[in-house]
Amino acid sequence: MFKFNEERDEYVAELNGVEFVCDEPEDGFEEEAQKLSKLYFEKLPEMLDFMLPELQQIYGNVDKAKLPQLLGKPTINLTTYQIMYMEQALDDTHIIEFEYADDFAGFECFNIDG
């Protein structure tokens, strides 16, 4: 399932429109990716609520309904417990990222990098 991407120097897999990365595949990562690829869309409204205040401070009036399209494909790092949006269309420059707890039970450490 995970294939090494030399350009990115990490292992990559994609399921249900969600990209997963890790430094090295570990036992249980395939099952975790399958579970999180489904759970991501269930928990997306909570993620948007978490990100929206910070995004509105930086980008102004961001419409929550349009935000999933603007963020683009999520990349979930199973090694670091981070969700990243590397192809976001809010400014086409920065990476938007934050950390998640097991099964997306909570979110913290919002960051805009780049």
PDB file of N, CA and C in Angstrom:
ATOM      1  N   MET A   1       0.823  -1.187   0.000  1.00  0.00           N
ATOM      2  CA  MET A   1       0.000   0.000   0.000  1.00  0.00           C
ATOM      3  C   MET A   1       0.876   1.263   0.000  1.00  0.00           C
ATOM      4  N   PHE A   2       1.803   1.370   0.935  1.00  0.00           N
ATOM      5  CA  PHE A   2       2.713   2.511   0.968  1.00  0.00           C
ATOM      6  C   PHE A   2       3.853   2.265  -0.010  1.00  0.00           C
ATOM      7  N   LYS A   3       4.158   3.294  -0.773  1.00  0.00           N
ATOM      8  CA  LYS A   3       5.265   3.215  -1.728  1.00  0.00           C
ATOM      9  C   LYS A   3       6.231   4.359  -1.426  1.00  0.00           C
ATOM     10  N   PHE A   4       7.514   4.050  -1.520  1.00  0.00           N
ATOM     11  CA  PHE A   4       8.512   5.076  -1.223  1.00  0.00           C
ATOM     12  C   PHE A   4       8.583   6.083  -2.354  1.00  0.00           C
ATOM     13  N   ASN A   5       8.516   7.360  -2.006  1.00  0.00           N
ATOM     14  CA  ASN A   5       8.633   8.456  -2.954  1.00  0.00           C
ATOM     15  C   ASN A   5      10.003   9.085  -2.744  1.00  0.00           C
ATOM     16  N   GLU A   6      10.909   8.836  -3.681  1.00  0.00           N
ATOM     17  CA  GLU A   6      12.285   9.321  -3.546  1.00  0.00           C
ATOM     18  C   GLU A   6      12.363  10.835  -3.502  1.00  0.00           C
ATOM     19  N   GLU A   7      11.554  11.496  -4.314  1.00  0.00           N
ATOM     20  CA  GLU A   7      11.567  12.956  -4.365  1.00  0.00           C
ATOM     21  C   GLU A   7      11.201  13.559  -3.010  1.00  0.00           C
ATOM     22  N   ARG A   8      10.238  12.959  -2.338  1.00  0.00           N
ATOM     23  CA  ARG A   8       9.782  13.462  -1.037  1.00  0.00           C
ATOM     24  C   ARG A   8      10.495  12.797   0.134  1.00  0.00           C
ATOM     25  N   ASP A   9      11.207  11.716  -0.133  1.00  0.00           N
ATOM     26  CA  ASP A   9      11.942  10.973   0.885  1.00  0.00           C
ATOM     27  C   ASP A   9      11.024  10.486   2.003  1.00  0.00           C
ATOM     28  N   GLU A  10       9.867   9.949   1.614  1.00  0.00           N
ATOM     29  CA  GLU A  10       8.922   9.383   2.570  1.00  0.00           C
ATOM     30  C   GLU A  10       8.027   8.384   1.856  1.00  0.00           C
ATOM     31  N   TYR A  11       7.340   7.588   2.637  1.00  0.00           N
ATOM     32  CA  TYR A  11       6.401   6.616   2.085  1.00  0.00           C
ATOM     33  C   TYR A  11       5.045   7.282   1.932  1.00  0.00           C
ATOM     34  N   VAL A  12       4.359   6.977   0.824  1.00  0.00           N
ATOM     35  CA  VAL A  12       3.113   7.656   0.481  1.00  0.00           C
ATOM     36  C   VAL A  12       2.057   6.627   0.068  1.00  0.00           C
ATOM     37  N   ALA A  13       0.815   6.874   0.460  1.00  0.00           N
ATOM     38  CA  ALA A  13      -0.339   6.086   0.016  1.00  0.00           C
ATOM     39  C   ALA A  13      -1.520   7.043  -0.102  1.00  0.00           C
ATOM     40  N   GLU A  14      -2.463   6.731  -0.988  1.00  0.00           N
ATOM     41  CA  GLU A  14      -3.666   7.544  -1.112  1.00  0.00           C
ATOM     42  C   GLU A  14      -4.893   6.653  -1.044  1.00  0.00           C
ATOM     43  N   LEU A  15      -5.842   7.059  -0.198  1.00  0.00           N
ATOM     44  CA  LEU A  15      -7.104   6.336  -0.029  1.00  0.00           C
ATOM     45  C   LEU A  15      -8.252   7.334   0.024  1.00  0.00           C
ATOM     46  N   ASN A  16      -9.275   7.120  -0.766  1.00  0.00           N
ATOM     47  CA  ASN A  16     -10.495   7.930  -0.734  1.00  0.00           C
ATOM     48  C   ASN A  16     -10.217   9.432  -0.817  1.00  0.00           C
ATOM     49  N   GLY A  17      -9.209   9.823  -1.598  1.00  0.00           N
ATOM     50  CA  GLY A  17      -8.906  11.237  -1.764  1.00  0.00           C
ATOM     51  C   GLY A  17      -8.092  11.843  -0.636  1.00  0.00           C
ATOM     52  N   VAL A  18      -7.594  11.006   0.273  1.00  0.00           N
ATOM     53  CA  VAL A  18      -6.754  11.465   1.374  1.00  0.00           C
ATOM     54  C   VAL A  18      -5.375  10.834   1.191  1.00  0.00           C
ATOM     55  N   GLU A  19      -4.343  11.670   1.255  1.00  0.00           N
ATOM     56  CA  GLU A  19      -2.977  11.168   1.119  1.00  0.00           C
ATOM     57  C   GLU A  19      -2.409  10.893   2.510  1.00  0.00           C
ATOM     58  N   PHE A  20      -1.698   9.783   2.627  1.00  0.00           N
ATOM     59  CA  PHE A  20      -1.051   9.412   3.883  1.00  0.00           C
ATOM     60  C   PHE A  20       0.439   9.297   3.643  1.00  0.00           C
ATOM     61  N   VAL A  21       1.223   9.796   4.594  1.00  0.00           N
ATOM     62  CA  VAL A  21       2.667   9.715   4.504  1.00  0.00           C
ATOM     63  C   VAL A  21       3.212   9.224   5.841  1.00  0.00           C
ATOM     64  N   CYS A  22       4.416   8.662   5.781  1.00  0.00           N
ATOM     65  CA  CYS A  22       5.111   8.246   6.996  1.00  0.00           C
ATOM     66  C   CYS A  22       6.592   8.116   6.682  1.00  0.00           C
ATOM     67  N   ASP A  23       7.401   8.180   7.724  1.00  0.00           N
ATOM     68  CA  ASP A  23       8.841   8.015   7.546  1.00  0.00           C
ATOM     69  C   ASP A  23       9.168   6.582   7.157  1.00  0.00           C
ATOM     70  N   GLU A  24       8.518   5.659   7.820  1.00  0.00           N
ATOM     71  CA  GLU A  24       8.724   4.233   7.587  1.00  0.00           C
ATOM     72  C   GLU A  24       7.420   3.524   7.953  1.00  0.00           C
ATOM     73  N   PRO A  25       6.843   2.706   7.063  1.00  0.00           N
ATOM     74  CA  PRO A  25       5.605   2.009   7.408  1.00  0.00           C
ATOM     75  C   PRO A  25       5.805   1.112   8.633  1.00  0.00           C
ATOM     76  N   GLU A  26       4.905   1.224   9.584  1.00  0.00           N
ATOM     77  CA  GLU A  26       4.939   0.406  10.790  1.00  0.00           C
ATOM     78  C   GLU A  26       3.731  -0.505  10.807  1.00  0.00           C
ATOM     79  N   ASP A  27       3.783  -1.517  11.662  1.00  0.00           N
ATOM     80  CA  ASP A  27       2.624  -2.397  11.833  1.00  0.00           C
ATOM     81  C   ASP A  27       1.416  -1.554  12.208  1.00  0.00           C
ATOM     82  N   GLY A  28       0.319  -1.783  11.529  1.00  0.00           N
ATOM     83  CA  GLY A  28      -0.917  -1.083  11.825  1.00  0.00           C
ATOM     84  C   GLY A  28      -1.141   0.186  11.020  1.00  0.00           C
ATOM     85  N   PHE A  29      -0.130   0.672  10.308  1.00  0.00           N
ATOM     86  CA  PHE A  29      -0.303   1.913   9.543  1.00  0.00           C
ATOM     87  C   PHE A  29      -1.316   1.752   8.408  1.00  0.00           C
ATOM     88  N   GLU A  30      -1.340   0.596   7.751  1.00  0.00           N
ATOM     89  CA  GLU A  30      -2.312   0.397   6.665  1.00  0.00           C
ATOM     90  C   GLU A  30      -3.731   0.447   7.212  1.00  0.00           C
ATOM     91  N   GLU A  31      -3.971  -0.232   8.322  1.00  0.00           N
ATOM     92  CA  GLU A  31      -5.301  -0.231   8.939  1.00  0.00           C
ATOM     93  C   GLU A  31      -5.668   1.166   9.428  1.00  0.00           C
ATOM     94  N   GLU A  32      -4.692   1.868  10.001  1.00  0.00           N
ATOM     95  CA  GLU A  32      -4.927   3.229  10.479  1.00  0.00           C
ATOM     96  C   GLU A  32      -5.281   4.153   9.317  1.00  0.00           C
ATOM     97  N   ALA A  33      -4.579   4.035   8.214  1.00  0.00           N
ATOM     98  CA  ALA A  33      -4.867   4.858   7.037  1.00  0.00           C
ATOM     99  C   ALA A  33      -6.267   4.571   6.508  1.00  0.00           C
ATOM    100  N   GLN A  34      -6.647   3.309   6.466  1.00  0.00           N
ATOM    101  CA  GLN A  34      -7.990   2.965   5.995  1.00  0.00           C
ATOM    102  C   GLN A  34      -9.058   3.564   6.901  1.00  0.00           C
ATOM    103  N   LYS A  35      -8.847   3.460   8.199  1.00  0.00           N
ATOM    104  CA  LYS A  35      -9.816   4.002   9.157  1.00  0.00           C
ATOM    105  C   LYS A  35      -9.889   5.524   9.047  1.00  0.00           C
ATOM    106  N   LEU A  36      -8.723   6.182   9.024  1.00  0.00           N
ATOM    107  CA  LEU A  36      -8.703   7.643   8.992  1.00  0.00           C
ATOM    108  C   LEU A  36      -9.200   8.213   7.673  1.00  0.00           C
ATOM    109  N   SER A  37      -9.048   7.465   6.579  1.00  0.00           N
ATOM    110  CA  SER A  37      -9.531   7.964   5.287  1.00  0.00           C
ATOM    111  C   SER A  37     -11.049   8.098   5.286  1.00  0.00           C
ATOM    112  N   LYS A  38     -11.728   7.281   6.058  1.00  0.00           N
ATOM    113  CA  LYS A  38     -13.187   7.382   6.181  1.00  0.00           C
ATOM    114  C   LYS A  38     -13.570   8.401   7.254  1.00  0.00           C
ATOM    115  N   LEU A  39     -12.865   8.335   8.370  1.00  0.00           N
ATOM    116  CA  LEU A  39     -13.158   9.208   9.502  1.00  0.00           C
ATOM    117  C   LEU A  39     -12.875  10.673   9.181  1.00  0.00           C
ATOM    118  N   TYR A  40     -11.938  10.938   8.292  1.00  0.00           N
ATOM    119  CA  TYR A  40     -11.583  12.311   7.937  1.00  0.00           C
ATOM    120  C   TYR A  40     -12.820  13.115   7.516  1.00  0.00           C
ATOM    121  N   PHE A  41     -13.632  12.550   6.650  1.00  0.00           N
ATOM    122  CA  PHE A  41     -14.782  13.279   6.123  1.00  0.00           C
ATOM    123  C   PHE A  41     -15.879  13.432   7.174  1.00  0.00           C
ATOM    124  N   GLU A  42     -15.970  12.497   8.113  1.00  0.00           N
ATOM    125  CA  GLU A  42     -16.931  12.632   9.214  1.00  0.00           C
ATOM    126  C   GLU A  42     -16.515  13.763  10.156  1.00  0.00           C
ATOM    127  N   LYS A  43     -15.224  13.888  10.396  1.00  0.00           N
ATOM    128  CA  LYS A  43     -14.699  14.871  11.341  1.00  0.00           C
ATOM    129  C   LYS A  43     -14.346  16.206  10.684  1.00  0.00           C
ATOM    130  N   LEU A  44     -14.479  16.299   9.375  1.00  0.00           N
ATOM    131  CA  LEU A  44     -14.113  17.524   8.665  1.00  0.00           C
ATOM    132  C   LEU A  44     -14.816  18.771   9.206  1.00  0.00           C
ATOM    133  N   PRO A  45     -16.116  18.730   9.522  1.00  0.00           N
ATOM    134  CA  PRO A  45     -16.735  19.946  10.079  1.00  0.00           C
ATOM    135  C   PRO A  45     -16.047  20.424  11.359  1.00  0.00           C
ATOM    136  N   GLU A  46     -15.617  19.498  12.216  1.00  0.00           N
ATOM    137  CA  GLU A  46     -14.915  19.883  13.443  1.00  0.00           C
ATOM    138  C   GLU A  46     -13.539  20.473  13.121  1.00  0.00           C
ATOM    139  N   MET A  47     -12.870  19.907  12.125  1.00  0.00           N
ATOM    140  CA  MET A  47     -11.567  20.445  11.707  1.00  0.00           C
ATOM    141  C   MET A  47     -11.732  21.860  11.162  1.00  0.00           C
ATOM    142  N   LEU A  48     -12.757  22.075  10.366  1.00  0.00           N
ATOM    143  CA  LEU A  48     -12.999  23.404   9.798  1.00  0.00           C
ATOM    144  C   LEU A  48     -13.277  24.411  10.902  1.00  0.00           C
ATOM    145  N   ASP A  49     -14.075  24.016  11.916  1.00  0.00           N
ATOM    146  CA  ASP A  49     -14.353  24.895  13.046  1.00  0.00           C
ATOM    147  C   ASP A  49     -13.067  25.244  13.792  1.00  0.00           C
ATOM    148  N   PHE A  50     -12.155  24.287  13.883  1.00  0.00           N
ATOM    149  CA  PHE A  50     -10.876  24.516  14.548  1.00  0.00           C
ATOM    150  C   PHE A  50     -10.009  25.508  13.763  1.00  0.00           C
ATOM    151  N   MET A  51      -9.961  25.357  12.447  1.00  0.00           N
ATOM    152  CA  MET A  51      -9.096  26.189  11.610  1.00  0.00           C
ATOM    153  C   MET A  51      -9.658  27.566  11.289  1.00  0.00           C
ATOM    154  N   LEU A  52     -10.960  27.663  11.176  1.00  0.00           N
ATOM    155  CA  LEU A  52     -11.607  28.863  10.642  1.00  0.00           C
ATOM    156  C   LEU A  52     -11.205  30.167  11.344  1.00  0.00           C
ATOM    157  N   PRO A  53     -11.202  30.238  12.679  1.00  0.00           N
ATOM    158  CA  PRO A  53     -10.831  31.521  13.298  1.00  0.00           C
ATOM    159  C   PRO A  53      -9.422  31.989  12.902  1.00  0.00           C
ATOM    160  N   GLU A  54      -8.473  31.083  12.874  1.00  0.00           N
ATOM    161  CA  GLU A  54      -7.105  31.447  12.487  1.00  0.00           C
ATOM    162  C   GLU A  54      -7.041  31.855  11.017  1.00  0.00           C
ATOM    163  N   LEU A  55      -7.720  31.106  10.166  1.00  0.00           N
ATOM    164  CA  LEU A  55      -7.702  31.417   8.739  1.00  0.00           C
ATOM    165  C   LEU A  55      -8.355  32.765   8.453  1.00  0.00           C
ATOM    166  N   GLN A  56      -9.433  33.067   9.178  1.00  0.00           N
ATOM    167  CA  GLN A  56     -10.109  34.349   8.971  1.00  0.00           C
ATOM    168  C   GLN A  56      -9.249  35.518   9.435  1.00  0.00           C
ATOM    169  N   GLN A  57      -8.432  35.299  10.480  1.00  0.00           N
ATOM    170  CA  GLN A  57      -7.522  36.360  10.925  1.00  0.00           C
ATOM    171  C   GLN A  57      -6.508  36.700   9.836  1.00  0.00           C
ATOM    172  N   ILE A  58      -6.070  35.694   9.109  1.00  0.00           N
ATOM    173  CA  ILE A  58      -5.019  35.892   8.111  1.00  0.00           C
ATOM    174  C   ILE A  58      -5.587  36.241   6.735  1.00  0.00           C
ATOM    175  N   TYR A  59      -6.634  35.513   6.322  1.00  0.00           N
ATOM    176  CA  TYR A  59      -7.143  35.648   4.956  1.00  0.00           C
ATOM    177  C   TYR A  59      -8.446  36.432   4.856  1.00  0.00           C
ATOM    178  N   GLY A  60      -8.950  36.928   5.969  1.00  0.00           N
ATOM    179  CA  GLY A  60     -10.195  37.688   5.923  1.00  0.00           C
ATOM    180  C   GLY A  60     -11.408  36.785   5.966  1.00  0.00           C
ATOM    181  N   ASN A  61     -12.463  37.193   5.308  1.00  0.00           N
ATOM    182  CA  ASN A  61     -13.735  36.477   5.353  1.00  0.00           C
ATOM    183  C   ASN A  61     -13.665  35.188   4.540  1.00  0.00           C
ATOM    184  N   VAL A  62     -13.329  34.102   5.193  1.00  0.00           N
ATOM    185  CA  VAL A  62     -13.258  32.789   4.553  1.00  0.00           C
ATOM    186  C   VAL A  62     -14.586  32.077   4.781  1.00  0.00           C
ATOM    187  N   ASP A  63     -15.211  31.632   3.713  1.00  0.00           N
ATOM    188  CA  ASP A  63     -16.493  30.939   3.775  1.00  0.00           C
ATOM    189  C   ASP A  63     -16.280  29.477   4.152  1.00  0.00           C
ATOM    190  N   LYS A  64     -16.863  29.054   5.268  1.00  0.00           N
ATOM    191  CA  LYS A  64     -16.698  27.676   5.748  1.00  0.00           C
ATOM    192  C   LYS A  64     -17.172  26.660   4.708  1.00  0.00           C
ATOM    193  N   ALA A  65     -18.220  26.966   3.989  1.00  0.00           N
ATOM    194  CA  ALA A  65     -18.757  26.033   2.987  1.00  0.00           C
ATOM    195  C   ALA A  65     -17.774  25.811   1.838  1.00  0.00           C
ATOM    196  N   LYS A  66     -16.994  26.838   1.498  1.00  0.00           N
ATOM    197  CA  LYS A  66     -16.040  26.725   0.391  1.00  0.00           C
ATOM    198  C   LYS A  66     -14.663  26.254   0.851  1.00  0.00           C
ATOM    199  N   LEU A  67     -14.438  26.239   2.147  1.00  0.00           N
ATOM    200  CA  LEU A  67     -13.121  25.937   2.688  1.00  0.00           C
ATOM    201  C   LEU A  67     -12.576  24.561   2.290  1.00  0.00           C
ATOM    202  N   PRO A  68     -13.372  23.490   2.297  1.00  0.00           N
ATOM    203  CA  PRO A  68     -12.798  22.202   1.873  1.00  0.00           C
ATOM    204  C   PRO A  68     -12.198  22.249   0.470  1.00  0.00           C
ATOM    205  N   GLN A  69     -12.856  22.935  -0.451  1.00  0.00           N
ATOM    206  CA  GLN A  69     -12.320  23.060  -1.812  1.00  0.00           C
ATOM    207  C   GLN A  69     -11.046  23.892  -1.820  1.00  0.00           C
ATOM    208  N   LEU A  70     -11.024  24.959  -1.036  1.00  0.00           N
ATOM    209  CA  LEU A  70      -9.850  25.827  -0.983  1.00  0.00           C
ATOM    210  C   LEU A  70      -8.645  25.130  -0.359  1.00  0.00           C
ATOM    211  N   LEU A  71      -8.902  24.259   0.599  1.00  0.00           N
ATOM    212  CA  LEU A  71      -7.813  23.543   1.257  1.00  0.00           C
ATOM    213  C   LEU A  71      -7.210  22.465   0.362  1.00  0.00           C
ATOM    214  N   GLY A  72      -8.034  21.860  -0.484  1.00  0.00           N
ATOM    215  CA  GLY A  72      -7.543  20.814  -1.374  1.00  0.00           C
ATOM    216  C   GLY A  72      -7.360  19.489  -0.655  1.00  0.00           C
ATOM    217  N   LYS A  73      -6.573  18.636  -1.258  1.00  0.00           N
ATOM    218  CA  LYS A  73      -6.364  17.281  -0.741  1.00  0.00           C
ATOM    219  C   LYS A  73      -5.567  17.316   0.560  1.00  0.00           C
ATOM    220  N   PRO A  74      -6.078  16.655   1.592  1.00  0.00           N
ATOM    221  CA  PRO A  74      -5.326  16.597   2.840  1.00  0.00           C
ATOM    222  C   PRO A  74      -4.213  15.551   2.767  1.00  0.00           C
ATOM    223  N   THR A  75      -3.128  15.832   3.474  1.00  0.00           N
ATOM    224  CA  THR A  75      -2.046  14.881   3.645  1.00  0.00           C
ATOM    225  C   THR A  75      -1.927  14.621   5.141  1.00  0.00           C
ATOM    226  N   ILE A  76      -2.070  13.366   5.521  1.00  0.00           N
ATOM    227  CA  ILE A  76      -2.001  12.989   6.930  1.00  0.00           C
ATOM    228  C   ILE A  76      -0.695  12.256   7.172  1.00  0.00           C
ATOM    229  N   ASN A  77       0.108  12.789   8.075  1.00  0.00           N
ATOM    230  CA  ASN A  77       1.373  12.162   8.423  1.00  0.00           C
ATOM    231  C   ASN A  77       1.143  11.261   9.634  1.00  0.00           C
ATOM    232  N   LEU A  78       1.222   9.966   9.403  1.00  0.00           N
ATOM    233  CA  LEU A  78       0.956   8.996  10.459  1.00  0.00           C
ATOM    234  C   LEU A  78       2.085   8.943  11.488  1.00  0.00           C
ATOM    235  N   THR A  79       3.259   9.418  11.127  1.00  0.00           N
ATOM    236  CA  THR A  79       4.395   9.414  12.048  1.00  0.00           C
ATOM    237  C   THR A  79       4.301  10.573  13.041  1.00  0.00           C
ATOM    238  N   THR A  80       3.882  11.746  12.552  1.00  0.00           N
ATOM    239  CA  THR A  80       3.884  12.954  13.392  1.00  0.00           C
ATOM    240  C   THR A  80       2.492  13.385  13.843  1.00  0.00           C
ATOM    241  N   TYR A  81       1.449  12.669  13.436  1.00  0.00           N
ATOM    242  CA  TYR A  81       0.062  13.013  13.796  1.00  0.00           C
ATOM    243  C   TYR A  81      -0.291  14.425  13.324  1.00  0.00           C
ATOM    244  N   GLN A  82       0.041  14.729  12.074  1.00  0.00           N
ATOM    245  CA  GLN A  82      -0.267  16.033  11.507  1.00  0.00           C
ATOM    246  C   GLN A  82      -1.146  15.883  10.270  1.00  0.00           C
ATOM    247  N   ILE A  83      -2.020  16.861  10.084  1.00  0.00           N
ATOM    248  CA  ILE A  83      -2.786  16.996   8.852  1.00  0.00           C
ATOM    249  C   ILE A  83      -2.252  18.241   8.160  1.00  0.00           C
ATOM    250  N   MET A  84      -1.898  18.101   6.888  1.00  0.00           N
ATOM    251  CA  MET A  84      -1.314  19.206   6.129  1.00  0.00           C
ATOM    252  C   MET A  84      -2.112  19.424   4.840  1.00  0.00           C
ATOM    253  N   TYR A  85      -2.185  20.662   4.444  1.00  0.00           N
ATOM    254  CA  TYR A  85      -2.786  21.035   3.161  1.00  0.00           C
ATOM    255  C   TYR A  85      -1.684  21.727   2.373  1.00  0.00           C
ATOM    256  N   MET A  86      -1.041  20.969   1.512  1.00  0.00           N
ATOM    257  CA  MET A  86       0.127  21.478   0.790  1.00  0.00           C
ATOM    258  C   MET A  86      -0.235  22.120  -0.540  1.00  0.00           C
ATOM    259  N   GLU A  87      -1.467  21.908  -1.000  1.00  0.00           N
ATOM    260  CA  GLU A  87      -1.890  22.464  -2.286  1.00  0.00           C
ATOM    261  C   GLU A  87      -3.075  23.407  -2.099  1.00  0.00           C
ATOM    262  N   GLN A  88      -3.140  24.071  -0.971  1.00  0.00           N
ATOM    263  CA  GLN A  88      -4.285  24.930  -0.663  1.00  0.00           C
ATOM    264  C   GLN A  88      -4.335  26.125  -1.611  1.00  0.00           C
ATOM    265  N   ALA A  89      -5.533  26.641  -1.828  1.00  0.00           N
ATOM    266  CA  ALA A  89      -5.733  27.728  -2.789  1.00  0.00           C
ATOM    267  C   ALA A  89      -6.052  29.068  -2.124  1.00  0.00           C
ATOM    268  N   LEU A  90      -5.837  29.169  -0.817  1.00  0.00           N
ATOM    269  CA  LEU A  90      -6.065  30.449  -0.154  1.00  0.00           C
ATOM    270  C   LEU A  90      -4.997  31.459  -0.551  1.00  0.00           C
ATOM    271  N   ASP A  91      -3.754  30.979  -0.721  1.00  0.00           N
ATOM    272  CA  ASP A  91      -2.692  31.868  -1.187  1.00  0.00           C
ATOM    273  C   ASP A  91      -1.673  31.152  -2.087  1.00  0.00           C
ATOM    274  N   ASP A  92      -1.827  29.875  -2.304  1.00  0.00           N
ATOM    275  CA  ASP A  92      -0.946  29.092  -3.193  1.00  0.00           C
ATOM    276  C   ASP A  92       0.520  29.090  -2.766  1.00  0.00           C
ATOM    277  N   THR A  93       0.819  29.524  -1.562  1.00  0.00           N
ATOM    278  CA  THR A  93       2.210  29.630  -1.143  1.00  0.00           C
ATOM    279  C   THR A  93       2.518  28.806   0.100  1.00  0.00           C
ATOM    280  N   HIS A  94       1.663  28.891   1.087  1.00  0.00           N
ATOM    281  CA  HIS A  94       1.940  28.305   2.390  1.00  0.00           C
ATOM    282  C   HIS A  94       1.371  26.897   2.544  1.00  0.00           C
ATOM    283  N   ILE A  95       1.887  26.203   3.540  1.00  0.00           N
ATOM    284  CA  ILE A  95       1.349  24.905   3.948  1.00  0.00           C
ATOM    285  C   ILE A  95       0.571  25.140   5.229  1.00  0.00           C
ATOM    286  N   ILE A  96      -0.667  24.720   5.243  1.00  0.00           N
ATOM    287  CA  ILE A  96      -1.506  24.823   6.428  1.00  0.00           C
ATOM    288  C   ILE A  96      -1.455  23.466   7.116  1.00  0.00           C
ATOM    289  N   GLU A  97      -1.201  23.475   8.424  1.00  0.00           N
ATOM    290  CA  GLU A  97      -1.063  22.204   9.132  1.00  0.00           C
ATOM    291  C   GLU A  97      -1.494  22.339  10.585  1.00  0.00           C
ATOM    292  N   PHE A  98      -1.858  21.196  11.154  1.00  0.00           N
ATOM    293  CA  PHE A  98      -2.176  21.119  12.575  1.00  0.00           C
ATOM    294  C   PHE A  98      -2.044  19.672  13.017  1.00  0.00           C
ATOM    295  N   GLU A  99      -1.990  19.480  14.318  1.00  0.00           N
ATOM    296  CA  GLU A  99      -1.856  18.146  14.879  1.00  0.00           C
ATOM    297  C   GLU A  99      -3.226  17.612  15.273  1.00  0.00           C
ATOM    298  N   TYR A 100      -3.335  16.283  15.282  1.00  0.00           N
ATOM    299  CA  TYR A 100      -4.586  15.645  15.663  1.00  0.00           C
ATOM    300  C   TYR A 100      -4.327  14.578  16.724  1.00  0.00           C
ATOM    301  N   ALA A 101      -5.353  14.325  17.536  1.00  0.00           N
ATOM    302  CA  ALA A 101      -5.311  13.254  18.523  1.00  0.00           C
ATOM    303  C   ALA A 101      -5.862  11.981  17.877  1.00  0.00           C
ATOM    304  N   ASP A 102      -5.701  10.852  18.546  1.00  0.00           N
ATOM    305  CA  ASP A 102      -6.192   9.575  18.017  1.00  0.00           C
ATOM    306  C   ASP A 102      -7.628   9.692  17.527  1.00  0.00           C
ATOM    307  N   ASP A 103      -7.873   9.138  16.352  1.00  0.00           N
ATOM    308  CA  ASP A 103      -9.201   9.130  15.727  1.00  0.00           C
ATOM    309  C   ASP A 103      -9.813  10.522  15.605  1.00  0.00           C
ATOM    310  N   PHE A 104      -8.949  11.537  15.469  1.00  0.00           N
ATOM    311  CA  PHE A 104      -9.389  12.922  15.316  1.00  0.00           C
ATOM    312  C   PHE A 104     -10.255  13.381  16.494  1.00  0.00           C
ATOM    313  N   ALA A 105      -9.915  12.903  17.688  1.00  0.00           N
ATOM    314  CA  ALA A 105     -10.677  13.283  18.888  1.00  0.00           C
ATOM    315  C   ALA A 105     -10.479  14.749  19.252  1.00  0.00           C
ATOM    316  N   GLY A 106      -9.393  15.348  18.801  1.00  0.00           N
ATOM    317  CA  GLY A 106      -9.126  16.758  19.072  1.00  0.00           C
ATOM    318  C   GLY A 106      -8.041  17.268  18.142  1.00  0.00           C
ATOM    319  N   PHE A 107      -7.872  18.595  18.129  1.00  0.00           N
ATOM    320  CA  PHE A 107      -6.920  19.233  17.222  1.00  0.00           C
ATOM    321  C   PHE A 107      -6.177  20.332  17.978  1.00  0.00           C
ATOM    322  N   GLU A 108      -4.898  20.536  17.627  1.00  0.00           N
ATOM    323  CA  GLU A 108      -4.096  21.570  18.278  1.00  0.00           C
ATOM    324  C   GLU A 108      -2.926  21.965  17.397  1.00  0.00           C
ATOM    325  N   CYS A 109      -2.203  22.958  17.829  1.00  0.00           N
ATOM    326  CA  CYS A 109      -0.965  23.427  17.175  1.00  0.00           C
ATOM    327  C   CYS A 109      -1.160  23.833  15.711  1.00  0.00           C
ATOM    328  N   PHE A 110      -2.165  24.650  15.454  1.00  0.00           N
ATOM    329  CA  PHE A 110      -2.401  25.157  14.107  1.00  0.00           C
ATOM    330  C   PHE A 110      -1.194  25.977  13.652  1.00  0.00           C
ATOM    331  N   ASN A 111      -0.788  25.809  12.387  1.00  0.00           N
ATOM    332  CA  ASN A 111       0.378  26.505  11.873  1.00  0.00           C
ATOM    333  C   ASN A 111       0.224  26.762  10.377  1.00  0.00           C
ATOM    334  N   ILE A 112       0.698  27.904   9.951  1.00  0.00           N
ATOM    335  CA  ILE A 112       0.800  28.198   8.531  1.00  0.00           C
ATOM    336  C   ILE A 112       2.283  28.365   8.248  1.00  0.00           C
ATOM    337  N   ASP A 113       2.823  27.494   7.427  1.00  0.00           N
ATOM    338  CA  ASP A 113       4.273  27.420   7.212  1.00  0.00           C
ATOM    339  C   ASP A 113       4.616  27.818   5.783  1.00  0.00           C
ATOM    340  N   GLY A 114       5.766  28.414   5.632  1.00  0.00           N
ATOM    341  CA  GLY A 114       6.243  28.715   4.281  1.00  0.00           C
ATOM    342  C   GLY A 114       6.630  30.113   4.194  1.00  0.00           C
TER     343      GLY A 114
END
